[in-house]
């Protein structure tokens, strides 16, 4: 899975990053590399929580559409 990461310079130095497709998934770091490592870990955590909270098939109907 590929996700677009937006990397911003932080006012106090370093960087902060966000993944728009994962609302609230943000992280920061002192270097670009550290920021990328941290946002990767944040995304993994975000997805793990989302999967835990996903309703099971006995609670909802699941369908797929093609665009």
C-alpha atoms as a PDB file:
ATOM      1  CA  UNK A   1       0.000   0.000   0.000  1.00  0.00           C
ATOM      2  CA  UNK A   2       1.305   3.430  -0.891  1.00  0.00           C
ATOM      3  CA  UNK A   3       0.175   6.521   0.999  1.00  0.00           C
ATOM      4  CA  UNK A   4       0.921  10.136   0.207  1.00  0.00           C
ATOM      5  CA  UNK A   5       2.833  11.875   3.019  1.00  0.00           C
ATOM      6  CA  UNK A   6       2.959  15.656   3.311  1.00  0.00           C
ATOM      7  CA  UNK A   7       6.136  16.880   5.017  1.00  0.00           C
ATOM      8  CA  UNK A   8       6.225  20.366   6.481  1.00  0.00           C
ATOM      9  CA  UNK A   9       9.085  22.314   8.041  1.00  0.00           C
ATOM     10  CA  UNK A  10       8.407  22.879  11.738  1.00  0.00           C
ATOM     11  CA  UNK A  11       8.704  26.426  13.086  1.00  0.00           C
ATOM     12  CA  UNK A  12      10.995  25.286  15.898  1.00  0.00           C
ATOM     13  CA  UNK A  13      13.172  23.259  13.520  1.00  0.00           C
ATOM     14  CA  UNK A  14      12.856  19.790  12.095  1.00  0.00           C
ATOM     15  CA  UNK A  15       9.766  18.588  10.297  1.00  0.00           C
ATOM     16  CA  UNK A  16       6.253  17.378  10.864  1.00  0.00           C
ATOM     17  CA  UNK A  17       4.343  15.044   8.577  1.00  0.00           C
ATOM     18  CA  UNK A  18       0.751  14.081   7.910  1.00  0.00           C
ATOM     19  CA  UNK A  19      -1.063  11.485   5.851  1.00  0.00           C
ATOM     20  CA  UNK A  20      -4.249  13.113   4.527  1.00  0.00           C
ATOM     21  CA  UNK A  21      -5.915   9.775   3.734  1.00  0.00           C
ATOM     22  CA  UNK A  22      -5.540   8.739   7.404  1.00  0.00           C
ATOM     23  CA  UNK A  23      -7.219  11.582   9.346  1.00  0.00           C
ATOM     24  CA  UNK A  24      -5.267  12.537  12.442  1.00  0.00           C
ATOM     25  CA  UNK A  25      -2.185  10.542  11.447  1.00  0.00           C
ATOM     26  CA  UNK A  26       0.669  12.965  12.108  1.00  0.00           C
ATOM     27  CA  UNK A  27       4.211  12.753  13.433  1.00  0.00           C
ATOM     28  CA  UNK A  28       7.378  14.784  13.644  1.00  0.00           C
ATOM     29  CA  UNK A  29      11.146  14.463  13.712  1.00  0.00           C
ATOM     30  CA  UNK A  30      14.342  16.452  13.871  1.00  0.00           C
ATOM     31  CA  UNK A  31      15.507  15.235  10.449  1.00  0.00           C
ATOM     32  CA  UNK A  32      13.722  14.242   7.255  1.00  0.00           C
ATOM     33  CA  UNK A  33      14.746  10.611   7.775  1.00  0.00           C
ATOM     34  CA  UNK A  34      13.543  10.567  11.391  1.00  0.00           C
ATOM     35  CA  UNK A  35      10.263  12.173  10.342  1.00  0.00           C
ATOM     36  CA  UNK A  36       9.726   9.535   7.654  1.00  0.00           C
ATOM     37  CA  UNK A  37      10.479   6.723  10.121  1.00  0.00           C
ATOM     38  CA  UNK A  38       8.093   8.220  12.677  1.00  0.00           C
ATOM     39  CA  UNK A  39       5.231   8.776  10.203  1.00  0.00           C
ATOM     40  CA  UNK A  40       5.651   5.194   8.968  1.00  0.00           C
ATOM     41  CA  UNK A  41       5.244   3.935  12.552  1.00  0.00           C
ATOM     42  CA  UNK A  42       2.294   6.277  13.097  1.00  0.00           C
ATOM     43  CA  UNK A  43       0.571   4.943   9.963  1.00  0.00           C
ATOM     44  CA  UNK A  44       1.068   1.342  11.068  1.00  0.00           C
ATOM     45  CA  UNK A  45      -0.472   2.179  14.447  1.00  0.00           C
ATOM     46  CA  UNK A  46      -3.346   4.091  12.836  1.00  0.00           C
ATOM     47  CA  UNK A  47      -4.159   1.152  10.574  1.00  0.00           C
ATOM     48  CA  UNK A  48      -3.909  -1.388  13.424  1.00  0.00           C
ATOM     49  CA  UNK A  49      -6.465   0.570  15.474  1.00  0.00           C
ATOM     50  CA  UNK A  50      -8.736   1.030  12.440  1.00  0.00           C
ATOM     51  CA  UNK A  51      -8.713  -2.723  11.770  1.00  0.00           C
ATOM     52  CA  UNK A  52      -9.561  -3.473  15.424  1.00  0.00           C
ATOM     53  CA  UNK A  53     -12.532  -1.091  15.267  1.00  0.00           C
ATOM     54  CA  UNK A  54     -13.816  -2.369  11.925  1.00  0.00           C
ATOM     55  CA  UNK A  55     -17.222  -4.034  12.207  1.00  0.00           C
ATOM     56  CA  UNK A  56     -17.366  -7.750  11.545  1.00  0.00           C
ATOM     57  CA  UNK A  57     -19.335  -9.298   8.692  1.00  0.00           C
ATOM     58  CA  UNK A  58     -22.116 -10.377  11.050  1.00  0.00           C
ATOM     59  CA  UNK A  59     -22.643  -6.712  12.048  1.00  0.00           C
ATOM     60  CA  UNK A  60     -22.820  -5.163   8.556  1.00  0.00           C
ATOM     61  CA  UNK A  61     -23.205  -6.030   4.913  1.00  0.00           C
ATOM     62  CA  UNK A  62     -20.058  -5.645   2.879  1.00  0.00           C
ATOM     63  CA  UNK A  63     -20.115  -4.763  -0.810  1.00  0.00           C
ATOM     64  CA  UNK A  64     -17.597  -3.540  -3.333  1.00  0.00           C
ATOM     65  CA  UNK A  65     -17.957  -1.050  -6.153  1.00  0.00           C
ATOM     66  CA  UNK A  66     -15.647  -0.364  -9.045  1.00  0.00           C
ATOM     67  CA  UNK A  67     -14.916   3.177 -10.206  1.00  0.00           C
END
